Amino acid sequence: MSCRAKMILVGLTVLNAIALITNFSLPVGAAIAGKTYNDLISDPDFTRAVQSIAQKCRVNVDIARLECYR
């Protein structure tokens, strides 16, 4: 591997480390029927619906997938 290629890889690694440390990601939110995340969490009908759906599903953590059955 050439010296230039090694320098590029080192530079990309440094940029990756900086991005991980500063964490530029934005928080995820919900917007269903004009409601915010906090509105949905406090809505008993929405909570009941989510629990009902989740009871019919299982999480496969090996492949990070939610598998639901009818």
PDB file of N, CA and C in Angstrom:
ATOM      1  N   MET A   1       0.845  -1.169   0.000  1.00  0.00           N
ATOM      2  CA  MET A   1       0.000   0.000   0.000  1.00  0.00           C
ATOM      3  C   MET A   1       0.892   1.234   0.000  1.00  0.00           C
ATOM      4  N   SER A   2       0.555   2.173  -0.828  1.00  0.00           N
ATOM      5  CA  SER A   2       1.388   3.366  -0.948  1.00  0.00           C
ATOM      6  C   SER A   2       1.229   4.268   0.278  1.00  0.00           C
ATOM      7  N   CYS A   3       2.165   5.156   0.432  1.00  0.00           N
ATOM      8  CA  CYS A   3       2.153   6.092   1.552  1.00  0.00           C
ATOM      9  C   CYS A   3       0.934   7.009   1.478  1.00  0.00           C
ATOM     10  N   ARG A   4       0.574   7.405   0.268  1.00  0.00           N
ATOM     11  CA  ARG A   4      -0.577   8.295   0.097  1.00  0.00           C
ATOM     12  C   ARG A   4      -1.870   7.593   0.516  1.00  0.00           C
ATOM     13  N   ALA A   5      -2.020   6.333   0.144  1.00  0.00           N
ATOM     14  CA  ALA A   5      -3.215   5.569   0.514  1.00  0.00           C
ATOM     15  C   ALA A   5      -3.303   5.418   2.029  1.00  0.00           C
ATOM     16  N   LYS A   6      -2.163   5.184   2.673  1.00  0.00           N
ATOM     17  CA  LYS A   6      -2.150   5.058   4.135  1.00  0.00           C
ATOM     18  C   LYS A   6      -2.555   6.374   4.793  1.00  0.00           C
ATOM     19  N   MET A   7      -2.084   7.495   4.250  1.00  0.00           N
ATOM     20  CA  MET A   7      -2.422   8.799   4.813  1.00  0.00           C
ATOM     21  C   MET A   7      -3.927   9.082   4.661  1.00  0.00           C
ATOM     22  N   ILE A   8      -4.490   8.686   3.527  1.00  0.00           N
ATOM     23  CA  ILE A   8      -5.927   8.868   3.307  1.00  0.00           C
ATOM     24  C   ILE A   8      -6.717   8.040   4.319  1.00  0.00           C
ATOM     25  N   LEU A   9      -6.311   6.789   4.525  1.00  0.00           N
ATOM     26  CA  LEU A   9      -6.995   5.932   5.486  1.00  0.00           C
ATOM     27  C   LEU A   9      -6.887   6.486   6.909  1.00  0.00           C
ATOM     28  N   VAL A  10      -5.721   6.990   7.268  1.00  0.00           N
ATOM     29  CA  VAL A  10      -5.543   7.588   8.590  1.00  0.00           C
ATOM     30  C   VAL A  10      -6.435   8.824   8.725  1.00  0.00           C
ATOM     31  N   GLY A  11      -6.486   9.643   7.697  1.00  0.00           N
ATOM     32  CA  GLY A  11      -7.333  10.833   7.717  1.00  0.00           C
ATOM     33  C   GLY A  11      -8.807  10.485   7.875  1.00  0.00           C
ATOM     34  N   LEU A  12      -9.264   9.481   7.131  1.00  0.00           N
ATOM     35  CA  LEU A  12     -10.662   9.055   7.245  1.00  0.00           C
ATOM     36  C   LEU A  12     -10.961   8.488   8.630  1.00  0.00           C
ATOM     37  N   THR A  13     -10.010   7.776   9.201  1.00  0.00           N
ATOM     38  CA  THR A  13     -10.182   7.236  10.553  1.00  0.00           C
ATOM     39  C   THR A  13     -10.294   8.358  11.572  1.00  0.00           C
ATOM     40  N   VAL A  14      -9.482   9.377  11.424  1.00  0.00           N
ATOM     41  CA  VAL A  14      -9.539  10.522  12.334  1.00  0.00           C
ATOM     42  C   VAL A  14     -10.880  11.243  12.196  1.00  0.00           C
ATOM     43  N   LEU A  15     -11.336  11.457  10.974  1.00  0.00           N
ATOM     44  CA  LEU A  15     -12.636  12.097  10.760  1.00  0.00           C
ATOM     45  C   LEU A  15     -13.772  11.265  11.358  1.00  0.00           C
ATOM     46  N   ASN A  16     -13.682   9.965  11.218  1.00  0.00           N
ATOM     47  CA  ASN A  16     -14.690   9.075  11.784  1.00  0.00           C
ATOM     48  C   ASN A  16     -14.703   9.181  13.307  1.00  0.00           C
ATOM     49  N   ALA A  17     -13.532   9.191  13.914  1.00  0.00           N
ATOM     50  CA  ALA A  17     -13.437   9.311  15.370  1.00  0.00           C
ATOM     51  C   ALA A  17     -14.009  10.644  15.844  1.00  0.00           C
ATOM     52  N   ILE A  18     -13.725  11.705  15.132  1.00  0.00           N
ATOM     53  CA  ILE A  18     -14.258  13.026  15.497  1.00  0.00           C
ATOM     54  C   ILE A  18     -15.780  13.022  15.393  1.00  0.00           C
ATOM     55  N   ALA A  19     -16.311  12.432  14.331  1.00  0.00           N
ATOM     56  CA  ALA A  19     -17.765  12.376  14.155  1.00  0.00           C
ATOM     57  C   ALA A  19     -18.424  11.567  15.272  1.00  0.00           C
ATOM     58  N   LEU A  20     -17.798  10.487  15.689  1.00  0.00           N
ATOM     59  CA  LEU A  20     -18.355   9.681  16.769  1.00  0.00           C
ATOM     60  C   LEU A  20     -18.319  10.421  18.098  1.00  0.00           C
ATOM     61  N   ILE A  21     -17.261  11.161  18.332  1.00  0.00           N
ATOM     62  CA  ILE A  21     -17.126  11.887  19.595  1.00  0.00           C
ATOM     63  C   ILE A  21     -18.113  13.044  19.674  1.00  0.00           C
ATOM     64  N   THR A  22     -18.252  13.801  18.578  1.00  0.00           N
ATOM     65  CA  THR A  22     -19.133  14.969  18.600  1.00  0.00           C
ATOM     66  C   THR A  22     -20.600  14.599  18.433  1.00  0.00           C
ATOM     67  N   ASN A  23     -20.886  13.450  17.832  1.00  0.00           N
ATOM     68  CA  ASN A  23     -22.249  12.943  17.658  1.00  0.00           C
ATOM     69  C   ASN A  23     -23.170  14.000  17.051  1.00  0.00           C
ATOM     70  N   PHE A  24     -23.085  14.167  15.756  1.00  0.00           N
ATOM     71  CA  PHE A  24     -23.890  15.146  15.038  1.00  0.00           C
ATOM     72  C   PHE A  24     -25.317  14.671  14.749  1.00  0.00           C
ATOM     73  N   SER A  25     -25.655  13.451  15.150  1.00  0.00           N
ATOM     74  CA  SER A  25     -26.970  12.918  14.808  1.00  0.00           C
ATOM     75  C   SER A  25     -28.074  13.670  15.545  1.00  0.00           C
ATOM     76  N   LEU A  26     -29.206  13.784  14.880  1.00  0.00           N
ATOM     77  CA  LEU A  26     -30.358  14.474  15.448  1.00  0.00           C
ATOM     78  C   LEU A  26     -31.272  13.471  16.135  1.00  0.00           C
ATOM     79  N   PRO A  27     -31.957  13.887  17.193  1.00  0.00           N
ATOM     80  CA  PRO A  27     -32.883  12.967  17.849  1.00  0.00           C
ATOM     81  C   PRO A  27     -34.048  12.629  16.929  1.00  0.00           C
ATOM     82  N   VAL A  28     -34.538  11.418  17.058  1.00  0.00           N
ATOM     83  CA  VAL A  28     -35.645  10.951  16.235  1.00  0.00           C
ATOM     84  C   VAL A  28     -36.952  11.298  16.933  1.00  0.00           C
ATOM     85  N   GLY A  29     -37.907  11.738  16.184  1.00  0.00           N
ATOM     86  CA  GLY A  29     -39.207  12.068  16.752  1.00  0.00           C
ATOM     87  C   GLY A  29     -40.317  11.450  15.941  1.00  0.00           C
ATOM     88  N   ALA A  30     -41.536  11.630  16.412  1.00  0.00           N
ATOM     89  CA  ALA A  30     -42.690  11.089  15.697  1.00  0.00           C
ATOM     90  C   ALA A  30     -43.664  12.218  15.404  1.00  0.00           C
ATOM     91  N   ALA A  31     -44.367  12.091  14.311  1.00  0.00           N
ATOM     92  CA  ALA A  31     -45.402  13.064  13.970  1.00  0.00           C
ATOM     93  C   ALA A  31     -46.555  12.313  13.319  1.00  0.00           C
ATOM     94  N   ILE A  32     -47.475  11.856  14.139  1.00  0.00           N
ATOM     95  CA  ILE A  32     -48.634  11.128  13.652  1.00  0.00           C
ATOM     96  C   ILE A  32     -49.861  11.954  13.993  1.00  0.00           C
ATOM     97  N   ALA A  33     -50.618  12.285  13.007  1.00  0.00           N
ATOM     98  CA  ALA A  33     -51.825  13.102  13.182  1.00  0.00           C
ATOM     99  C   ALA A  33     -51.517  14.411  13.880  1.00  0.00           C
ATOM    100  N   GLY A  34     -50.355  14.972  13.601  1.00  0.00           N
ATOM    101  CA  GLY A  34     -49.980  16.255  14.174  1.00  0.00           C
ATOM    102  C   GLY A  34     -49.542  16.199  15.622  1.00  0.00           C
ATOM    103  N   LYS A  35     -49.391  14.977  16.171  1.00  0.00           N
ATOM    104  CA  LYS A  35     -48.989  14.834  17.566  1.00  0.00           C
ATOM    105  C   LYS A  35     -47.476  14.680  17.653  1.00  0.00           C
ATOM    106  N   THR A  36     -46.917  15.185  18.722  1.00  0.00           N
ATOM    107  CA  THR A  36     -45.487  15.033  18.962  1.00  0.00           C
ATOM    108  C   THR A  36     -45.235  13.693  19.644  1.00  0.00           C
ATOM    109  N   TYR A  37     -43.988  13.369  19.805  1.00  0.00           N
ATOM    110  CA  TYR A  37     -43.604  12.128  20.497  1.00  0.00           C
ATOM    111  C   TYR A  37     -44.207  12.096  21.900  1.00  0.00           C
ATOM    112  N   ASN A  38     -44.083  13.198  22.631  1.00  0.00           N
ATOM    113  CA  ASN A  38     -44.610  13.244  24.000  1.00  0.00           C
ATOM    114  C   ASN A  38     -46.131  13.099  24.025  1.00  0.00           C
ATOM    115  N   ASP A  39     -46.816  13.674  23.043  1.00  0.00           N
ATOM    116  CA  ASP A  39     -48.270  13.521  22.960  1.00  0.00           C
ATOM    117  C   ASP A  39     -48.648  12.056  22.763  1.00  0.00           C
ATOM    118  N   LEU A  40     -47.907  11.370  21.883  1.00  0.00           N
ATOM    119  CA  LEU A  40     -48.202   9.959  21.609  1.00  0.00           C
ATOM    120  C   LEU A  40     -47.938   9.080  22.819  1.00  0.00           C
ATOM    121  N   ILE A  41     -46.875   9.343  23.534  1.00  0.00           N
ATOM    122  CA  ILE A  41     -46.547   8.545  24.710  1.00  0.00           C
ATOM    123  C   ILE A  41     -47.630   8.688  25.782  1.00  0.00           C
ATOM    124  N   SER A  42     -48.191   9.858  25.908  1.00  0.00           N
ATOM    125  CA  SER A  42     -49.206  10.085  26.944  1.00  0.00           C
ATOM    126  C   SER A  42     -50.622   9.738  26.477  1.00  0.00           C
ATOM    127  N   ASP A  43     -50.786   9.365  25.211  1.00  0.00           N
ATOM    128  CA  ASP A  43     -52.099   8.995  24.672  1.00  0.00           C
ATOM    129  C   ASP A  43     -52.378   7.522  24.984  1.00  0.00           C
ATOM    130  N   PRO A  44     -53.358   7.223  25.854  1.00  0.00           N
ATOM    131  CA  PRO A  44     -53.605   5.825  26.239  1.00  0.00           C
ATOM    132  C   PRO A  44     -54.068   4.945  25.072  1.00  0.00           C
ATOM    133  N   ASP A  45     -54.813   5.502  24.119  1.00  0.00           N
ATOM    134  CA  ASP A  45     -55.254   4.704  22.967  1.00  0.00           C
ATOM    135  C   ASP A  45     -54.070   4.293  22.100  1.00  0.00           C
ATOM    136  N   PHE A  46     -53.167   5.221  21.863  1.00  0.00           N
ATOM    137  CA  PHE A  46     -51.979   4.912  21.058  1.00  0.00           C
ATOM    138  C   PHE A  46     -51.113   3.883  21.780  1.00  0.00           C
ATOM    139  N   THR A  47     -50.921   4.069  23.083  1.00  0.00           N
ATOM    140  CA  THR A  47     -50.113   3.130  23.872  1.00  0.00           C
ATOM    141  C   THR A  47     -50.705   1.724  23.817  1.00  0.00           C
ATOM    142  N   ARG A  48     -52.032   1.616  23.973  1.00  0.00           N
ATOM    143  CA  ARG A  48     -52.705   0.315  23.916  1.00  0.00           C
ATOM    144  C   ARG A  48     -52.546  -0.329  22.547  1.00  0.00           C
ATOM    145  N   ALA A  49     -52.653   0.465  21.492  1.00  0.00           N
ATOM    146  CA  ALA A  49     -52.511  -0.068  20.133  1.00  0.00           C
ATOM    147  C   ALA A  49     -51.103  -0.600  19.896  1.00  0.00           C
ATOM    148  N   VAL A  50     -50.103   0.141  20.344  1.00  0.00           N
ATOM    149  CA  VAL A  50     -48.720  -0.299  20.168  1.00  0.00           C
ATOM    150  C   VAL A  50     -48.462  -1.584  20.956  1.00  0.00           C
ATOM    151  N   GLN A  51     -48.966  -1.650  22.184  1.00  0.00           N
ATOM    152  CA  GLN A  51     -48.785  -2.857  22.994  1.00  0.00           C
ATOM    153  C   GLN A  51     -49.463  -4.057  22.346  1.00  0.00           C
ATOM    154  N   SER A  52     -50.637  -3.853  21.777  1.00  0.00           N
ATOM    155  CA  SER A  52     -51.350  -4.934  21.116  1.00  0.00           C
ATOM    156  C   SER A  52     -50.569  -5.468  19.928  1.00  0.00           C
ATOM    157  N   ILE A  53     -49.996  -4.574  19.140  1.00  0.00           N
ATOM    158  CA  ILE A  53     -49.196  -4.986  17.981  1.00  0.00           C
ATOM    159  C   ILE A  53     -47.914  -5.669  18.438  1.00  0.00           C
ATOM    160  N   ALA A  54     -47.268  -5.110  19.446  1.00  0.00           N
ATOM    161  CA  ALA A  54     -45.988  -5.649  19.906  1.00  0.00           C
ATOM    162  C   ALA A  54     -46.137  -7.045  20.499  1.00  0.00           C
ATOM    163  N   GLN A  55     -47.284  -7.369  21.061  1.00  0.00           N
ATOM    164  CA  GLN A  55     -47.494  -8.697  21.627  1.00  0.00           C
ATOM    165  C   GLN A  55     -47.501  -9.768  20.550  1.00  0.00           C
ATOM    166  N   LYS A  56     -47.814  -9.386  19.325  1.00  0.00           N
ATOM    167  CA  LYS A  56     -47.863 -10.340  18.219  1.00  0.00           C
ATOM    168  C   LYS A  56     -46.532 -10.416  17.480  1.00  0.00           C
ATOM    169  N   CYS A  57     -45.519  -9.738  18.001  1.00  0.00           N
ATOM    170  CA  CYS A  57     -44.224  -9.684  17.327  1.00  0.00           C
ATOM    171  C   CYS A  57     -43.130 -10.233  18.226  1.00  0.00           C
ATOM    172  N   ARG A  58     -42.018 -10.567  17.586  1.00  0.00           N
ATOM    173  CA  ARG A  58     -40.831 -10.932  18.357  1.00  0.00           C
ATOM    174  C   ARG A  58     -39.640 -10.251  17.710  1.00  0.00           C
ATOM    175  N   VAL A  59     -38.628  -9.989  18.516  1.00  0.00           N
ATOM    176  CA  VAL A  59     -37.444  -9.289  18.044  1.00  0.00           C
ATOM    177  C   VAL A  59     -36.328 -10.300  17.834  1.00  0.00           C
ATOM    178  N   ASN A  60     -35.773 -10.285  16.643  1.00  0.00           N
ATOM    179  CA  ASN A  60     -34.599 -11.109  16.341  1.00  0.00           C
ATOM    180  C   ASN A  60     -33.388 -10.200  16.479  1.00  0.00           C
ATOM    181  N   VAL A  61     -32.714 -10.267  17.632  1.00  0.00           N
ATOM    182  CA  VAL A  61     -31.610  -9.352  17.896  1.00  0.00           C
ATOM    183  C   VAL A  61     -30.380  -9.666  17.054  1.00  0.00           C
ATOM    184  N   ASP A  62     -30.290 -10.885  16.553  1.00  0.00           N
ATOM    185  CA  ASP A  62     -29.126 -11.250  15.734  1.00  0.00           C
ATOM    186  C   ASP A  62     -29.082 -10.456  14.438  1.00  0.00           C
ATOM    187  N   ILE A  63     -30.249 -10.189  13.873  1.00  0.00           N
ATOM    188  CA  ILE A  63     -30.292  -9.440  12.614  1.00  0.00           C
ATOM    189  C   ILE A  63     -31.019  -8.107  12.771  1.00  0.00           C
ATOM    190  N   ALA A  64     -31.300  -7.705  14.014  1.00  0.00           N
ATOM    191  CA  ALA A  64     -31.956  -6.431  14.330  1.00  0.00           C
ATOM    192  C   ALA A  64     -33.237  -6.273  13.515  1.00  0.00           C
ATOM    193  N   ARG A  65     -34.130  -7.236  13.685  1.00  0.00           N
ATOM    194  CA  ARG A  65     -35.364  -7.230  12.906  1.00  0.00           C
ATOM    195  C   ARG A  65     -36.560  -7.562  13.792  1.00  0.00           C
ATOM    196  N   LEU A  66     -37.664  -6.899  13.542  1.00  0.00           N
ATOM    197  CA  LEU A  66     -38.902  -7.153  14.241  1.00  0.00           C
ATOM    198  C   LEU A  66     -39.770  -8.024  13.339  1.00  0.00           C
ATOM    199  N   GLU A  67     -40.130  -9.200  13.825  1.00  0.00           N
ATOM    200  CA  GLU A  67     -40.929 -10.136  13.038  1.00  0.00           C
ATOM    201  C   GLU A  67     -42.321 -10.223  13.641  1.00  0.00           C
ATOM    202  N   CYS A  68     -43.338  -9.876  12.872  1.00  0.00           N
ATOM    203  CA  CYS A  68     -44.708  -9.868  13.359  1.00  0.00           C
ATOM    204  C   CYS A  68     -45.538 -10.923  12.636  1.00  0.00           C
ATOM    205  N   TYR A  69     -46.490 -11.498  13.372  1.00  0.00           N
ATOM    206  CA  TYR A  69     -47.356 -12.529  12.830  1.00  0.00           C
ATOM    207  C   TYR A  69     -48.791 -12.064  12.955  1.00  0.00           C
ATOM    208  N   ARG A  70     -49.629 -12.520  12.069  1.00  0.00           N
ATOM    209  CA  ARG A  70     -51.049 -12.132  12.104  1.00  0.00           C
ATOM    210  C   ARG A  70     -51.813 -13.017  13.038  1.00  0.00           C
TER     211      ARG A  70
END
